[in-house]
Amino acid sequence: MFSTKANSIFQDVIKTYHIKDSVDQPFTNIYDDKTHLLEHLLYRKCWIDTVQWHYEDIIRNPNIDPVAALKLKRQIDASNQDRTDMVEYIDSYFLSLYTGVKPKENATINTESPAWGIDRLSILALKVFHMDQEATRLDASEAHRSACNQKLNILLEQRTDLSTAIDTLLEDIKNGDKYMKVYKQMKMYNDEDLNPVLRSQK
């Protein structure tokens, strides 16, 4: 199943990141984009999500220096753009993979594309990892660990359900029961021709 592979890659990425546990560490993709393109895309996608997760932690520090906060906000904006780009690359991969499939007459389109489901699965892997840390943190109270363990069980159930849904969607597309399209996000706030604030600075 696709989700088994994706979840395994996401867990590897998160564990690798936390060896150094620094947003400034260099990134190395262990998968070649020529021979293992899907794995390459999934690994890169989860790394972006993992770094951004920690960006979001850092920027919530109430004592953060305003200049550092502004720099970090720019990094988060860039990371969001990278995240969106990777979603589109992954969807393009599946669109190419199933290009020879002729949808059935009664085929329907899903509310979200495969890659946006994968995006949620990647972020869910991060939630599972960090909730597990909280559920086993020795310096936390028993009540805290118990509450986090209950939340962890829900997250694990959610991962199972989401994994099943993604696998089912891909199978439906493969069989022609559903079809997919890739819509570019057309984000406006980074475009100096579309964002009135940026346009005024030209």
Protein backbone atom coordinates (compact mmCIF):
# COMPACT_ATOMS: atom_id res chain seq x y z
CA MET A 1 0.00 0.00 0.00
CA PHE A 2 1.15 3.52 -0.79
CA SER A 3 0.38 4.81 2.70
CA THR A 4 2.67 2.23 4.31
CA LYS A 5 5.57 3.56 2.28
CA ALA A 6 4.65 7.20 2.91
CA ASN A 7 4.24 6.76 6.67
CA SER A 8 7.58 4.94 6.88
CA ILE A 9 9.36 7.73 4.98
CA PHE A 10 7.74 10.41 7.12
CA GLN A 11 8.83 8.68 10.33
CA ASP A 12 12.40 8.36 8.99
CA VAL A 13 12.49 12.06 8.11
CA ILE A 14 11.26 13.16 11.53
CA LYS A 15 13.71 10.90 13.38
CA THR A 16 16.58 12.11 11.18
CA TYR A 17 15.68 15.76 11.79
CA HIS A 18 15.61 15.28 15.56
CA ILE A 19 19.13 13.87 15.68
CA LYS A 20 20.38 17.46 15.43
CA ASP A 21 16.99 19.07 16.13
CA SER A 22 17.89 22.36 14.47
CA VAL A 23 16.02 24.37 11.84
CA ASP A 24 19.39 25.48 10.46
CA GLN A 25 20.76 22.02 9.73
CA PRO A 26 21.53 21.16 6.08
CA PHE A 27 19.09 19.00 4.17
CA THR A 28 20.14 15.86 2.33
CA ASN A 29 17.60 13.80 0.42
CA ILE A 30 18.49 10.12 0.69
CA TYR A 31 16.40 9.27 -2.39
CA ASP A 32 17.56 9.97 -5.94
CA ASP A 33 15.02 11.91 -7.99
CA LYS A 34 15.81 9.88 -11.11
CA THR A 35 15.37 6.36 -9.75
CA HIS A 36 13.04 6.97 -6.78
CA LEU A 37 11.10 10.10 -7.67
CA LEU A 38 8.06 9.49 -5.48
CA GLU A 39 10.18 8.68 -2.43
CA HIS A 40 12.32 11.74 -3.19
CA LEU A 41 9.24 13.97 -3.23
CA LEU A 42 7.78 12.47 -0.05
CA TYR A 43 11.08 12.82 1.82
CA ARG A 44 11.46 16.45 0.77
CA LYS A 45 7.82 17.21 1.58
CA CYS A 46 8.07 15.92 5.13
CA TRP A 47 11.38 17.69 5.74
CA ILE A 48 9.77 21.01 4.79
CA ASP A 49 6.86 20.27 7.14
CA THR A 50 9.22 19.27 9.96
CA VAL A 51 11.33 22.42 9.72
CA GLN A 52 8.20 24.56 9.54
CA TRP A 53 6.74 22.82 12.61
CA HIS A 54 9.75 24.03 14.58
CA TYR A 55 9.65 27.48 12.98
CA GLU A 56 6.12 27.75 14.36
CA ASP A 57 7.31 26.73 17.84
CA ILE A 58 10.10 29.31 17.82
CA ILE A 59 8.01 32.24 16.63
CA ARG A 60 5.55 31.70 19.50
CA ASN A 61 8.22 32.57 22.04
CA PRO A 62 6.74 35.66 23.76
CA ASN A 63 10.27 37.00 24.34
CA ILE A 64 11.48 36.67 20.77
CA ASP A 65 13.39 39.64 19.39
CA PRO A 66 11.14 41.57 16.95
CA VAL A 67 13.85 41.64 14.28
CA ALA A 68 14.36 37.89 14.62
CA ALA A 69 10.60 37.38 14.53
CA LEU A 70 10.30 39.28 11.26
CA LYS A 71 13.11 37.23 9.73
CA LEU A 72 11.43 34.05 10.93
CA LYS A 73 8.08 35.18 9.51
CA ARG A 74 9.75 35.53 6.11
CA GLN A 75 11.19 32.02 6.50
CA ILE A 76 7.74 30.66 7.35
CA ASP A 77 6.28 32.37 4.27
CA ALA A 78 8.98 30.82 2.08
CA SER A 79 8.43 27.44 3.70
CA ASN A 80 4.70 27.65 3.02
CA GLN A 81 5.42 28.33 -0.63
CA ASP A 82 7.81 25.34 -0.76
CA ARG A 83 5.15 23.19 0.89
CA THR A 84 2.55 24.19 -1.69
CA ASP A 85 4.99 23.61 -4.54
CA MET A 86 5.76 20.11 -3.25
CA VAL A 87 2.06 19.27 -3.08
CA GLU A 88 1.76 20.25 -6.74
CA TYR A 89 4.84 18.18 -7.67
CA ILE A 90 3.41 15.12 -5.92
CA ASP A 91 0.02 15.57 -7.61
CA SER A 92 1.79 15.95 -10.97
CA TYR A 93 3.55 12.66 -10.29
CA PHE A 94 0.23 10.86 -9.80
CA LEU A 95 -1.35 12.64 -12.75
CA SER A 96 1.49 11.35 -14.94
CA LEU A 97 1.32 7.87 -13.38
CA TYR A 98 -2.36 7.50 -14.22
CA THR A 99 -2.35 9.42 -17.50
CA GLY A 100 -3.28 6.27 -19.43
CA VAL A 101 -6.35 5.54 -17.30
CA LYS A 102 -9.64 6.42 -18.97
CA PRO A 103 -12.17 7.53 -16.33
CA LYS A 104 -15.49 5.68 -16.37
CA GLU A 105 -18.59 7.57 -17.48
CA ASN A 106 -19.79 7.86 -13.89
CA ALA A 107 -16.34 8.75 -12.49
CA THR A 108 -16.27 11.57 -9.95
CA ILE A 109 -13.63 13.97 -8.71
CA ASN A 110 -12.59 13.98 -5.06
CA THR A 111 -12.91 16.97 -2.74
CA GLU A 112 -9.13 17.00 -2.39
CA SER A 113 -6.33 15.66 -4.56
CA PRO A 114 -4.09 12.77 -3.44
CA ALA A 115 -1.22 15.13 -2.56
CA TRP A 116 -3.33 17.31 -0.29
CA GLY A 117 -4.29 14.16 1.60
CA ILE A 118 -0.59 13.28 1.73
CA ASP A 119 0.11 16.77 3.04
CA ARG A 120 -2.21 16.09 5.97
CA LEU A 121 -0.62 12.67 6.49
CA SER A 122 2.85 14.25 6.74
CA ILE A 123 1.69 16.78 9.31
CA LEU A 124 -0.13 14.03 11.20
CA ALA A 125 3.17 12.14 11.44
CA LEU A 126 4.62 15.19 13.19
CA LYS A 127 1.67 15.38 15.57
CA VAL A 128 2.10 11.69 16.44
CA PHE A 129 5.83 12.09 17.07
CA HIS A 130 5.52 15.12 19.31
CA MET A 131 2.46 13.87 21.18
CA ASP A 132 4.32 10.65 21.89
CA GLN A 133 7.18 12.73 23.31
CA GLU A 134 4.73 14.50 25.61
CA ALA A 135 3.04 11.25 26.62
CA THR A 136 6.40 9.84 27.77
CA ARG A 137 8.07 12.98 29.12
CA LEU A 138 9.46 12.07 32.54
CA ASP A 139 9.50 15.62 33.88
CA ALA A 140 5.77 16.03 33.18
CA SER A 141 3.00 15.17 35.60
CA GLU A 142 1.15 11.88 35.45
CA ALA A 143 -2.02 13.77 34.52
CA HIS A 144 -0.21 15.46 31.62
CA ARG A 145 1.20 12.17 30.32
CA SER A 146 -2.18 10.47 30.63
CA ALA A 147 -3.99 13.23 28.76
CA CYS A 148 -1.37 13.22 26.01
CA ASN A 149 -1.54 9.45 25.72
CA GLN A 150 -5.29 9.67 25.11
CA LYS A 151 -4.67 12.29 22.42
CA LEU A 152 -1.96 10.10 20.92
CA ASN A 153 -4.39 7.19 20.57
CA ILE A 154 -6.81 9.44 18.70
CA LEU A 155 -4.02 10.66 16.39
CA LEU A 156 -2.99 7.07 15.65
CA GLU A 157 -6.59 6.20 14.80
CA GLN A 158 -6.77 9.28 12.60
CA ARG A 159 -3.59 8.20 10.80
CA THR A 160 -5.07 4.78 10.12
CA ASP A 161 -8.26 6.31 8.73
CA LEU A 162 -6.45 8.88 6.61
CA SER A 163 -4.03 6.27 5.28
CA THR A 164 -6.95 4.07 4.26
CA ALA A 165 -8.71 6.99 2.58
CA ILE A 166 -5.61 7.93 0.56
CA ASP A 167 -5.01 4.32 -0.52
CA THR A 168 -8.66 4.01 -1.54
CA LEU A 169 -8.54 7.25 -3.53
CA LEU A 170 -5.43 6.17 -5.43
CA GLU A 171 -7.00 2.79 -6.17
CA ASP A 172 -10.19 4.49 -7.38
CA ILE A 173 -8.18 6.76 -9.70
CA LYS A 174 -6.21 3.76 -10.97
CA ASN A 175 -9.47 1.91 -11.71
CA GLY A 176 -11.15 4.91 -13.35
CA ASP A 177 -13.78 5.31 -10.64
CA LYS A 178 -12.41 8.75 -9.80
CA TYR A 179 -10.32 11.24 -11.74
CA MET A 180 -7.99 13.99 -10.62
CA LYS A 181 -6.81 17.39 -11.73
CA VAL A 182 -3.88 19.53 -10.61
CA TYR A 183 -4.91 23.07 -9.81
CA LYS A 184 -2.10 25.54 -9.30
CA GLN A 185 -2.68 27.37 -6.04
CA MET A 186 -2.37 30.80 -7.67
CA LYS A 187 -1.30 32.40 -4.41
CA MET A 188 -1.63 36.15 -4.72
CA TYR A 189 0.26 37.55 -1.74
CA ASN A 190 3.72 36.66 -3.12
CA ASP A 191 3.02 38.06 -6.57
CA GLU A 192 4.01 41.71 -7.00
CA ASP A 193 1.48 42.04 -9.82
CA LEU A 194 -1.40 40.73 -7.70
CA ASN A 195 -0.59 41.93 -4.19
CA PRO A 196 -1.44 45.66 -4.05
CA VAL A 197 1.14 46.31 -1.31
CA LEU A 198 3.95 44.75 -3.33
CA ARG A 199 2.69 46.38 -6.53
CA SER A 200 2.90 49.81 -4.92
CA GLN A 201 6.60 49.23 -4.21
CA LYS A 202 7.48 48.61 -7.85
